PDB file of all heavy atoms in Angstrom:
ATOM      1  N   ALA A   1     -31.537 -20.397  32.369  1.00  0.00           N
ATOM      2  CA  ALA A   1     -31.020 -21.254  31.299  1.00  0.00           C
ATOM      3  C   ALA A   1     -31.876 -21.168  30.037  1.00  0.00           C
ATOM      4  O   ALA A   1     -31.377 -21.427  28.941  1.00  0.00           O
ATOM      5  CB  ALA A   1     -30.966 -22.705  31.778  1.00  0.00           C
ATOM      6  N   ILE A   2     -33.140 -20.801  30.178  1.00  0.00           N
ATOM      7  CA  ILE A   2     -34.039 -20.789  29.016  1.00  0.00           C
ATOM      8  C   ILE A   2     -33.545 -19.833  27.939  1.00  0.00           C
ATOM      9  O   ILE A   2     -33.287 -20.262  26.805  1.00  0.00           O
ATOM     10  CB  ILE A   2     -35.488 -20.458  29.447  1.00  0.00           C
ATOM     11  CG1 ILE A   2     -36.016 -21.539  30.390  1.00  0.00           C
ATOM     12  CG2 ILE A   2     -36.391 -20.327  28.222  1.00  0.00           C
ATOM     13  CD1 ILE A   2     -37.370 -21.223  30.995  1.00  0.00           C
ATOM     14  N   PRO A   3     -33.391 -18.526  28.223  1.00  0.00           N
ATOM     15  CA  PRO A   3     -32.888 -17.636  27.161  1.00  0.00           C
ATOM     16  C   PRO A   3     -31.441 -17.912  26.788  1.00  0.00           C
ATOM     17  O   PRO A   3     -31.055 -17.755  25.623  1.00  0.00           O
ATOM     18  CB  PRO A   3     -33.054 -16.233  27.762  1.00  0.00           C
ATOM     19  CG  PRO A   3     -33.087 -16.443  29.234  1.00  0.00           C
ATOM     20  CD  PRO A   3     -33.744 -17.770  29.445  1.00  0.00           C
ATOM     21  N   VAL A   4     -30.621 -18.331  27.762  1.00  0.00           N
ATOM     22  CA  VAL A   4     -29.201 -18.583  27.482  1.00  0.00           C
ATOM     23  C   VAL A   4     -29.038 -19.738  26.489  1.00  0.00           C
ATOM     24  O   VAL A   4     -28.356 -19.619  25.463  1.00  0.00           O
ATOM     25  CB  VAL A   4     -28.436 -18.899  28.789  1.00  0.00           C
ATOM     26  CG1 VAL A   4     -27.035 -19.403  28.484  1.00  0.00           C
ATOM     27  CG2 VAL A   4     -28.356 -17.665  29.669  1.00  0.00           C
ATOM     28  N   MET A   5     -29.655 -20.872  26.795  1.00  0.00           N
ATOM     29  CA  MET A   5     -29.517 -22.040  25.924  1.00  0.00           C
ATOM     30  C   MET A   5     -30.228 -21.841  24.594  1.00  0.00           C
ATOM     31  O   MET A   5     -29.747 -22.287  23.548  1.00  0.00           O
ATOM     32  CB  MET A   5     -30.061 -23.285  26.632  1.00  0.00           C
ATOM     33  CG  MET A   5     -29.250 -23.722  27.818  1.00  0.00           C
ATOM     34  SD  MET A   5     -29.941 -25.233  28.519  1.00  0.00           S
ATOM     35  CE  MET A   5     -28.882 -25.422  29.960  1.00  0.00           C
ATOM     36  N   LEU A   6     -31.387 -21.167  24.633  1.00  0.00           N
ATOM     37  CA  LEU A   6     -32.110 -20.903  23.398  1.00  0.00           C
ATOM     38  C   LEU A   6     -31.275 -20.021  22.474  1.00  0.00           C
ATOM     39  O   LEU A   6     -31.146 -20.304  21.274  1.00  0.00           O
ATOM     40  CB  LEU A   6     -33.450 -20.233  23.706  1.00  0.00           C
ATOM     41  CG  LEU A   6     -34.353 -19.945  22.505  1.00  0.00           C
ATOM     42  CD1 LEU A   6     -34.722 -21.241  21.795  1.00  0.00           C
ATOM     43  CD2 LEU A   6     -35.609 -19.208  22.958  1.00  0.00           C
ATOM     44  N   GLY A   7     -30.684 -18.981  23.030  1.00  0.00           N
ATOM     45  CA  GLY A   7     -29.846 -18.084  22.235  1.00  0.00           C
ATOM     46  C   GLY A   7     -28.620 -18.783  21.677  1.00  0.00           C
ATOM     47  O   GLY A   7     -28.287 -18.633  20.493  1.00  0.00           O
ATOM     48  N   ALA A   8     -27.942 -19.565  22.534  1.00  0.00           N
ATOM     49  CA  ALA A   8     -26.742 -20.280  22.091  1.00  0.00           C
ATOM     50  C   ALA A   8     -27.083 -21.293  20.998  1.00  0.00           C
ATOM     51  O   ALA A   8     -26.346 -21.447  20.014  1.00  0.00           O
ATOM     52  CB  ALA A   8     -26.090 -20.983  23.280  1.00  0.00           C
ATOM     53  N   SER A   9     -28.218 -21.985  21.151  1.00  0.00           N
ATOM     54  CA  SER A   9     -28.618 -22.987  20.164  1.00  0.00           C
ATOM     55  C   SER A   9     -28.969 -22.344  18.826  1.00  0.00           C
ATOM     56  O   SER A   9     -28.557 -22.830  17.768  1.00  0.00           O
ATOM     57  CB  SER A   9     -29.820 -23.780  20.697  1.00  0.00           C
ATOM     58  OG  SER A   9     -29.481 -24.480  21.870  1.00  0.00           O
ATOM     59  N   LEU A  10     -29.722 -21.256  18.866  1.00  0.00           N
ATOM     60  CA  LEU A  10     -30.089 -20.561  17.628  1.00  0.00           C
ATOM     61  C   LEU A  10     -28.850 -20.039  16.910  1.00  0.00           C
ATOM     62  O   LEU A  10     -28.756 -20.097  15.685  1.00  0.00           O
ATOM     63  CB  LEU A  10     -31.056 -19.413  17.936  1.00  0.00           C
ATOM     64  CG  LEU A  10     -32.465 -19.824  18.361  1.00  0.00           C
ATOM     65  CD1 LEU A  10     -33.295 -18.592  18.716  1.00  0.00           C
ATOM     66  CD2 LEU A  10     -33.160 -20.624  17.275  1.00  0.00           C
ATOM     67  N   LEU A  11     -27.882 -19.544  17.688  1.00  0.00           N
ATOM     68  CA  LEU A  11     -26.646 -19.034  17.104  1.00  0.00           C
ATOM     69  C   LEU A  11     -25.896 -20.147  16.372  1.00  0.00           C
ATOM     70  O   LEU A  11     -25.406 -19.955  15.251  1.00  0.00           O
ATOM     71  CB  LEU A  11     -25.765 -18.421  18.196  1.00  0.00           C
ATOM     72  CG  LEU A  11     -24.497 -17.680  17.750  1.00  0.00           C
ATOM     73  CD1 LEU A  11     -24.861 -16.481  16.896  1.00  0.00           C
ATOM     74  CD2 LEU A  11     -23.684 -17.238  18.975  1.00  0.00           C
ATOM     75  N   LYS A  12     -25.830 -21.331  17.000  1.00  0.00           N
ATOM     76  CA  LYS A  12     -25.141 -22.455  16.377  1.00  0.00           C
ATOM     77  C   LYS A  12     -25.874 -22.946  15.130  1.00  0.00           C
ATOM     78  O   LYS A  12     -25.242 -23.295  14.118  1.00  0.00           O
ATOM     79  CB  LYS A  12     -25.001 -23.605  17.384  1.00  0.00           C
ATOM     80  CG  LYS A  12     -23.987 -23.354  18.493  1.00  0.00           C
ATOM     81  CD  LYS A  12     -22.577 -23.283  17.940  1.00  0.00           C
ATOM     82  CE  LYS A  12     -21.560 -23.129  19.069  1.00  0.00           C
ATOM     83  NZ  LYS A  12     -20.177 -22.987  18.554  1.00  0.00           N
ATOM     84  N   ILE A  13     -27.208 -22.982  15.184  1.00  0.00           N
ATOM     85  CA  ILE A  13     -27.991 -23.440  14.035  1.00  0.00           C
ATOM     86  C   ILE A  13     -27.820 -22.489  12.857  1.00  0.00           C
ATOM     87  O   ILE A  13     -27.655 -22.915  11.705  1.00  0.00           O
ATOM     88  CB  ILE A  13     -29.480 -23.569  14.417  1.00  0.00           C
ATOM     89  CG1 ILE A  13     -29.674 -24.743  15.387  1.00  0.00           C
ATOM     90  CG2 ILE A  13     -30.338 -23.778  13.175  1.00  0.00           C
ATOM     91  CD1 ILE A  13     -31.082 -24.858  15.933  1.00  0.00           C
ATOM     92  N   ILE A  14     -27.849 -21.189  13.136  1.00  0.00           N
ATOM     93  CA  ILE A  14     -27.676 -20.191  12.075  1.00  0.00           C
ATOM     94  C   ILE A  14     -26.303 -20.334  11.426  1.00  0.00           C
ATOM     95  O   ILE A  14     -26.160 -20.274  10.201  1.00  0.00           O
ATOM     96  CB  ILE A  14     -27.865 -18.771  12.638  1.00  0.00           C
ATOM     97  CG1 ILE A  14     -29.333 -18.545  13.016  1.00  0.00           C
ATOM     98  CG2 ILE A  14     -27.413 -17.711  11.623  1.00  0.00           C
ATOM     99  CD1 ILE A  14     -29.583 -17.269  13.780  1.00  0.00           C
ATOM    100  N   LYS A  15     -25.272 -20.540  12.250  1.00  0.00           N
ATOM    101  CA  LYS A  15     -23.923 -20.684  11.716  1.00  0.00           C
ATOM    102  C   LYS A  15     -23.769 -21.980  10.916  1.00  0.00           C
ATOM    103  O   LYS A  15     -23.050 -22.026   9.921  1.00  0.00           O
ATOM    104  CB  LYS A  15     -22.901 -20.653  12.855  1.00  0.00           C
ATOM    105  CG  LYS A  15     -22.735 -19.267  13.478  1.00  0.00           C
ATOM    106  CD  LYS A  15     -21.689 -19.279  14.576  1.00  0.00           C
ATOM    107  CE  LYS A  15     -21.491 -17.889  15.153  1.00  0.00           C
ATOM    108  NZ  LYS A  15     -20.480 -17.859  16.230  1.00  0.00           N
ATOM    109  N   TYR A  16     -24.461 -23.027  11.359  1.00  0.00           N
ATOM    110  CA  TYR A  16     -24.369 -24.302  10.659  1.00  0.00           C
ATOM    111  C   TYR A  16     -25.178 -24.266   9.357  1.00  0.00           C
ATOM    112  O   TYR A  16     -24.787 -24.841   8.342  1.00  0.00           O
ATOM    113  CB  TYR A  16     -24.888 -25.438  11.550  1.00  0.00           C
ATOM    114  CG  TYR A  16     -24.801 -26.799  10.902  1.00  0.00           C
ATOM    115  CD1 TYR A  16     -23.587 -27.473  10.838  1.00  0.00           C
ATOM    116  CD2 TYR A  16     -25.934 -27.395  10.348  1.00  0.00           C
ATOM    117  CE1 TYR A  16     -23.507 -28.725  10.235  1.00  0.00           C
ATOM    118  CE2 TYR A  16     -25.858 -28.645   9.747  1.00  0.00           C
ATOM    119  CZ  TYR A  16     -24.638 -29.302   9.699  1.00  0.00           C
ATOM    120  OH  TYR A  16     -24.559 -30.539   9.100  1.00  0.00           O
ATOM    121  N   GLY A  17     -26.308 -23.560   9.395  1.00  0.00           N
ATOM    122  CA  GLY A  17     -27.208 -23.552   8.245  1.00  0.00           C
ATOM    123  C   GLY A  17     -28.386 -24.478   8.485  1.00  0.00           C
ATOM    124  O   GLY A  17     -28.357 -25.322   9.381  1.00  0.00           O
ATOM    125  N   LEU A  18     -29.421 -24.345   7.686  1.00  0.00           N
ATOM    126  CA  LEU A  18     -30.646 -25.115   7.896  1.00  0.00           C
ATOM    127  C   LEU A  18     -30.744 -26.330   6.974  1.00  0.00           C
ATOM    128  O   LEU A  18     -31.825 -26.878   6.773  1.00  0.00           O
ATOM    129  CB  LEU A  18     -31.867 -24.205   7.691  1.00  0.00           C
ATOM    130  CG  LEU A  18     -31.951 -23.009   8.650  1.00  0.00           C
ATOM    131  CD1 LEU A  18     -33.161 -22.144   8.295  1.00  0.00           C
ATOM    132  CD2 LEU A  18     -32.035 -23.472  10.096  1.00  0.00           C
ATOM    133  N   PHE A  19     -29.631 -26.743   6.431  1.00  0.00           N
ATOM    134  CA  PHE A  19     -29.636 -27.874   5.505  1.00  0.00           C
ATOM    135  C   PHE A  19     -29.146 -29.128   6.224  1.00  0.00           C
ATOM    136  O   PHE A  19     -27.939 -29.364   6.347  1.00  0.00           O
ATOM    137  CB  PHE A  19     -28.764 -27.562   4.285  1.00  0.00           C
ATOM    138  CG  PHE A  19     -29.201 -26.314   3.561  1.00  0.00           C
ATOM    139  CD1 PHE A  19     -28.518 -25.126   3.763  1.00  0.00           C
ATOM    140  CD2 PHE A  19     -30.294 -26.342   2.719  1.00  0.00           C
ATOM    141  CE1 PHE A  19     -28.916 -23.966   3.110  1.00  0.00           C
ATOM    142  CE2 PHE A  19     -30.701 -25.189   2.056  1.00  0.00           C
ATOM    143  CZ  PHE A  19     -30.014 -24.003   2.257  1.00  0.00           C
ATOM    144  N   PHE A  20     -30.099 -29.917   6.723  1.00  0.00           N
ATOM    145  CA  PHE A  20     -29.781 -31.134   7.451  1.00  0.00           C
ATOM    146  C   PHE A  20     -30.169 -32.356   6.625  1.00  0.00           C
ATOM    147  O   PHE A  20     -31.195 -32.358   5.948  1.00  0.00           O
ATOM    148  CB  PHE A  20     -30.548 -31.193   8.781  1.00  0.00           C
ATOM    149  CG  PHE A  20     -30.215 -30.087   9.737  1.00  0.00           C
ATOM    150  CD1 PHE A  20     -31.009 -28.945   9.805  1.00  0.00           C
ATOM    151  CD2 PHE A  20     -29.116 -30.184  10.572  1.00  0.00           C
ATOM    152  CE1 PHE A  20     -30.711 -27.929  10.689  1.00  0.00           C
ATOM    153  CE2 PHE A  20     -28.807 -29.173  11.467  1.00  0.00           C
ATOM    154  CZ  PHE A  20     -29.608 -28.050  11.524  1.00  0.00           C
ATOM    155  N   SER A  21     -29.362 -33.394   6.735  1.00  0.00           N
ATOM    156  CA  SER A  21     -29.744 -34.670   6.130  1.00  0.00           C
ATOM    157  C   SER A  21     -30.767 -35.341   7.042  1.00  0.00           C
ATOM    158  O   SER A  21     -30.961 -34.935   8.197  1.00  0.00           O
ATOM    159  CB  SER A  21     -28.518 -35.568   5.972  1.00  0.00           C
ATOM    160  OG  SER A  21     -28.033 -35.970   7.248  1.00  0.00           O
ATOM    161  N   ALA A  22     -31.423 -36.377   6.535  1.00  0.00           N
ATOM    162  CA  ALA A  22     -32.414 -37.096   7.338  1.00  0.00           C
ATOM    163  C   ALA A  22     -31.765 -37.698   8.588  1.00  0.00           C
ATOM    164  O   ALA A  22     -32.340 -37.669   9.686  1.00  0.00           O
ATOM    165  CB  ALA A  22     -33.075 -38.184   6.495  1.00  0.00           C
ATOM    166  N   MET A  23     -30.559 -38.231   8.439  1.00  0.00           N
ATOM    167  CA  MET A  23     -29.864 -38.811   9.584  1.00  0.00           C
ATOM    168  C   MET A  23     -29.510 -37.745  10.614  1.00  0.00           C
ATOM    169  O   MET A  23     -29.656 -37.960  11.823  1.00  0.00           O
ATOM    170  CB  MET A  23     -28.593 -39.543   9.125  1.00  0.00           C
ATOM    171  CG  MET A  23     -27.766 -40.128  10.278  1.00  0.00           C
ATOM    172  SD  MET A  23     -28.706 -41.237  11.356  1.00  0.00           S
ATOM    173  CE  MET A  23     -28.897 -42.653  10.279  1.00  0.00           C
ATOM    174  N   GLU A  24     -29.064 -36.589  10.154  1.00  0.00           N
ATOM    175  CA  GLU A  24     -28.723 -35.507  11.081  1.00  0.00           C
ATOM    176  C   GLU A  24     -29.949 -35.035  11.854  1.00  0.00           C
ATOM    177  O   GLU A  24     -29.875 -34.793  13.063  1.00  0.00           O
ATOM    178  CB  GLU A  24     -28.089 -34.351  10.307  1.00  0.00           C
ATOM    179  CG  GLU A  24     -26.688 -34.646   9.801  1.00  0.00           C
ATOM    180  CD  GLU A  24     -26.131 -33.538   8.926  1.00  0.00           C
ATOM    181  OE1 GLU A  24     -26.936 -32.744   8.378  1.00  0.00           O
ATOM    182  OE2 GLU A  24     -24.898 -33.462   8.758  1.00  0.00           O
ATOM    183  N   LEU A  25     -31.074 -34.916  11.161  1.00  0.00           N
ATOM    184  CA  LEU A  25     -32.313 -34.529  11.842  1.00  0.00           C
ATOM    185  C   LEU A  25     -32.716 -35.587  12.866  1.00  0.00           C
ATOM    186  O   LEU A  25     -33.171 -35.258  13.973  1.00  0.00           O
ATOM    187  CB  LEU A  25     -33.436 -34.329  10.830  1.00  0.00           C
ATOM    188  CG  LEU A  25     -33.404 -33.037  10.010  1.00  0.00           C
ATOM    189  CD1 LEU A  25     -34.501 -33.057   8.950  1.00  0.00           C
ATOM    190  CD2 LEU A  25     -33.561 -31.818  10.930  1.00  0.00           C
ATOM    191  N   GLY A  26     -32.541 -36.851  12.514  1.00  0.00           N
ATOM    192  CA  GLY A  26     -32.864 -37.930  13.445  1.00  0.00           C
ATOM    193  C   GLY A  26     -31.983 -37.902  14.676  1.00  0.00           C
ATOM    194  O   GLY A  26     -32.463 -38.076  15.804  1.00  0.00           O
ATOM    195  N   ILE A  27     -30.686 -37.672  14.476  1.00  0.00           N
ATOM    196  CA  ILE A  27     -29.746 -37.605  15.601  1.00  0.00           C
ATOM    197  C   ILE A  27     -30.119 -36.446  16.526  1.00  0.00           C
ATOM    198  O   ILE A  27     -30.147 -36.600  17.758  1.00  0.00           O
ATOM    199  CB  ILE A  27     -28.306 -37.439  15.080  1.00  0.00           C
ATOM    200  CG1 ILE A  27     -27.838 -38.729  14.403  1.00  0.00           C
ATOM    201  CG2 ILE A  27     -27.358 -37.063  16.221  1.00  0.00           C
ATOM    202  CD1 ILE A  27     -26.516 -38.605  13.683  1.00  0.00           C
TER     203      ILE A  27
END
């Protein structure tokens, strides 16, 4: 699960972008 979840999470973050609001970062 370590490489699988890490890869899936990084893929989603890249697609979403690195611009988070303070509330989004908190959530």
